[in-house]
Amino acid sequence: MAETERSERRLRPAPLLFEPAEAASDPEHFFDLESMEDPRELLARSTELALAFRAATDRAVEFQAVAAAQLADPQRFDRLTAGDIAERAEWTEDYAKKMIEFGRDLMRDGGRPGEE
């Protein structure tokens, strides 16, 4: 993904508001989209939500990678193996190794996940 595209997405995510418990328990209810009758409004809001969820997913994956790298750090007395991390995160061991390396790269670059 291009850096410009990532930056633009981070600038424009829709606010993700928590829904009341009774609304969240209704499988037909999703951020009040089902009540919108104007298709232009529905497309605009659902697009904003899709972009916000993608941005949130990207950031969450970065945080997962940093956590995996920290847990695998050989300087930790309680270091976990890639297999242990994979089991905890419900990943394959190969994916855990890739995430550990990605997290090390993020930490080496000196920023927190999500920072440009």
Protein backbone atom coordinates (compact mmCIF):
# COMPACT_ATOMS: atom_id res chain seq x y z
CA MET A 1 0.00 0.00 0.00
CA ALA A 2 1.41 3.42 -0.90
CA GLU A 3 2.42 5.78 1.91
CA THR A 4 0.23 8.54 0.49
CA GLU A 5 -2.80 6.27 0.45
CA ARG A 6 -2.21 5.24 4.08
CA SER A 7 -1.80 8.85 5.18
CA GLU A 8 -4.95 9.96 3.37
CA ARG A 9 -6.98 7.17 4.97
CA ARG A 10 -5.80 8.13 8.43
CA LEU A 11 -6.86 11.71 7.87
CA ARG A 12 -10.43 10.86 6.92
CA PRO A 13 -11.83 7.97 8.95
CA ALA A 14 -15.39 8.24 10.12
CA PRO A 15 -15.93 8.28 13.85
CA LEU A 16 -16.69 4.83 15.17
CA LEU A 17 -19.29 5.33 17.85
CA PHE A 18 -20.19 2.56 20.21
CA GLU A 19 -23.71 1.36 19.81
CA PRO A 20 -26.03 0.79 22.78
CA ALA A 21 -26.15 -2.85 23.85
CA GLU A 22 -29.74 -3.30 22.68
CA ALA A 23 -28.85 -2.03 19.19
CA ALA A 24 -25.72 -4.19 18.99
CA SER A 25 -27.74 -7.28 19.90
CA ASP A 26 -30.05 -6.74 16.91
CA PRO A 27 -28.39 -8.49 13.92
CA GLU A 28 -30.14 -6.13 11.49
CA HIS A 29 -28.73 -3.03 13.21
CA PHE A 30 -25.36 -1.71 12.07
CA PHE A 31 -24.38 1.86 12.95
CA ASP A 32 -27.89 2.98 11.98
CA LEU A 33 -27.23 2.28 8.29
CA GLU A 34 -30.39 0.20 8.00
CA SER A 35 -32.53 3.25 8.76
CA MET A 36 -31.07 5.41 5.98
CA GLU A 37 -33.42 5.77 3.05
CA ASP A 38 -31.36 8.06 0.80
CA PRO A 39 -28.94 5.84 -1.16
CA ARG A 40 -26.47 8.74 -1.52
CA GLU A 41 -26.34 9.17 2.24
CA LEU A 42 -26.13 5.40 2.74
CA LEU A 43 -23.24 5.09 0.28
CA ALA A 44 -21.38 8.02 1.85
CA ARG A 45 -21.75 6.79 5.44
CA SER A 46 -21.06 3.13 4.65
CA THR A 47 -17.94 4.18 2.69
CA GLU A 48 -16.76 6.27 5.65
CA LEU A 49 -17.29 3.30 7.95
CA ALA A 50 -15.45 0.93 5.60
CA LEU A 51 -12.47 3.31 5.48
CA ALA A 52 -12.52 3.72 9.25
CA PHE A 53 -12.59 -0.03 9.83
CA ARG A 54 -9.71 -0.54 7.36
CA ALA A 55 -7.66 2.13 9.13
CA ALA A 56 -8.48 0.56 12.50
CA THR A 57 -7.48 -2.87 11.19
CA ASP A 58 -4.16 -1.55 9.88
CA ARG A 59 -3.35 0.05 13.23
CA ALA A 60 -4.42 -3.01 15.21
CA VAL A 61 -2.19 -5.26 13.08
CA GLU A 62 0.74 -2.92 13.70
CA PHE A 63 0.12 -3.12 17.45
CA GLN A 64 -0.09 -6.93 17.19
CA ALA A 65 3.26 -6.98 15.41
CA VAL A 66 4.94 -4.79 18.03
CA ALA A 67 3.54 -6.94 20.83
CA ALA A 68 4.74 -10.10 19.08
CA ALA A 69 8.22 -8.63 18.64
CA GLN A 70 8.34 -7.58 22.28
CA LEU A 71 7.23 -11.03 23.45
CA ALA A 72 9.87 -12.69 21.25
CA ASP A 73 12.69 -10.39 22.40
CA PRO A 74 15.62 -12.60 23.42
CA GLN A 75 16.45 -10.17 26.24
CA ARG A 76 13.18 -10.93 28.01
CA PHE A 77 13.43 -13.50 30.76
CA ASP A 78 9.91 -14.64 29.87
CA ARG A 79 10.51 -14.67 26.11
CA LEU A 80 8.00 -16.61 24.01
CA THR A 81 8.80 -18.67 20.95
CA ALA A 82 7.16 -17.95 17.60
CA GLY A 83 5.09 -21.10 18.19
CA ASP A 84 3.88 -19.81 21.57
CA ILE A 85 2.97 -16.45 20.07
CA ALA A 86 1.19 -18.15 17.17
CA GLU A 87 -0.87 -20.22 19.57
CA ARG A 88 -1.88 -17.18 21.66
CA ALA A 89 -2.80 -15.09 18.61
CA GLU A 90 -4.37 -17.99 16.68
CA TRP A 91 -1.84 -17.61 13.85
CA THR A 92 0.33 -20.11 12.05
CA GLU A 93 3.93 -20.24 13.23
CA ASP A 94 5.15 -18.88 9.88
CA TYR A 95 2.79 -15.91 10.16
CA ALA A 96 3.96 -15.30 13.74
CA LYS A 97 7.57 -15.16 12.51
CA LYS A 98 6.59 -12.60 9.86
CA MET A 99 4.69 -10.54 12.41
CA ILE A 100 7.65 -10.63 14.82
CA GLU A 101 9.92 -9.32 12.07
CA PHE A 102 7.37 -6.68 11.07
CA GLY A 103 7.14 -5.56 14.70
CA ARG A 104 10.92 -5.37 14.96
CA ASP A 105 10.96 -3.20 11.84
CA LEU A 106 8.32 -0.91 13.30
CA MET A 107 10.23 -0.60 16.59
CA ARG A 108 13.52 -0.07 14.77
CA ASP A 109 11.95 2.82 12.86
CA GLY A 110 11.37 4.40 16.26
CA GLY A 111 7.69 5.18 15.98
CA ARG A 112 4.61 3.83 17.61
CA PRO A 113 2.25 1.93 15.34
CA GLY A 114 0.18 4.22 13.19
CA GLU A 115 2.63 7.10 13.24
CA GLU A 116 4.12 8.33 10.03
